[in-house]
Amino acid sequence: MMPDESSAYPHPSDFEVKRPTYHEDEDGFVTATISISPFSVEGESSTKAGARRAAIYEASKTYASYHPDYNEDNPFPEHFVDRQGTEWERLPPFERSTYGDYRFTDDLGEEDYVDIETMLMWDVRPDEIMDDETDE
């Protein structure tokens, strides 16, 4: 593909500078819609900030579908601890199709897996980025 290939679909950074409209759903979740006519993206989360982040991630995924050479931005570090003290670690590519994007330990002490979209819906936010070489 040629590097200067273009499409009508806006670059994800164009969506970042637009103000979203918000709608609170009956289930308590918030939906953010960001529009650049005639295109729009939506994201859902437990907070407005999380819904905005989810919408921008959707814009990145859609842009990548039009531009195969574009690398989607992962909204999360590879290994981090969130504001509640939960440790998250990105899985290797060969495990992601089976388990999801990240591994974490739930409140019951069980190891669990989740995809990026669900993390955005839960409004997971990094508090401390971990080095892979960190000794526990």
Foldseek 3Di string as FASTA:
>chain_A
DDPPDDDPQDDLVVQVPFDWDWDQDPVQKIKTWGDDPPDIFIAIANDPVLRSVRRSQVSQVVVCVVPVVDDRDQPDDQWAAFPVRKTKHADPPVCCVPFEGIWIQDPVRRIHGYHSRVCSRHVTDGDGGDDPPDDD
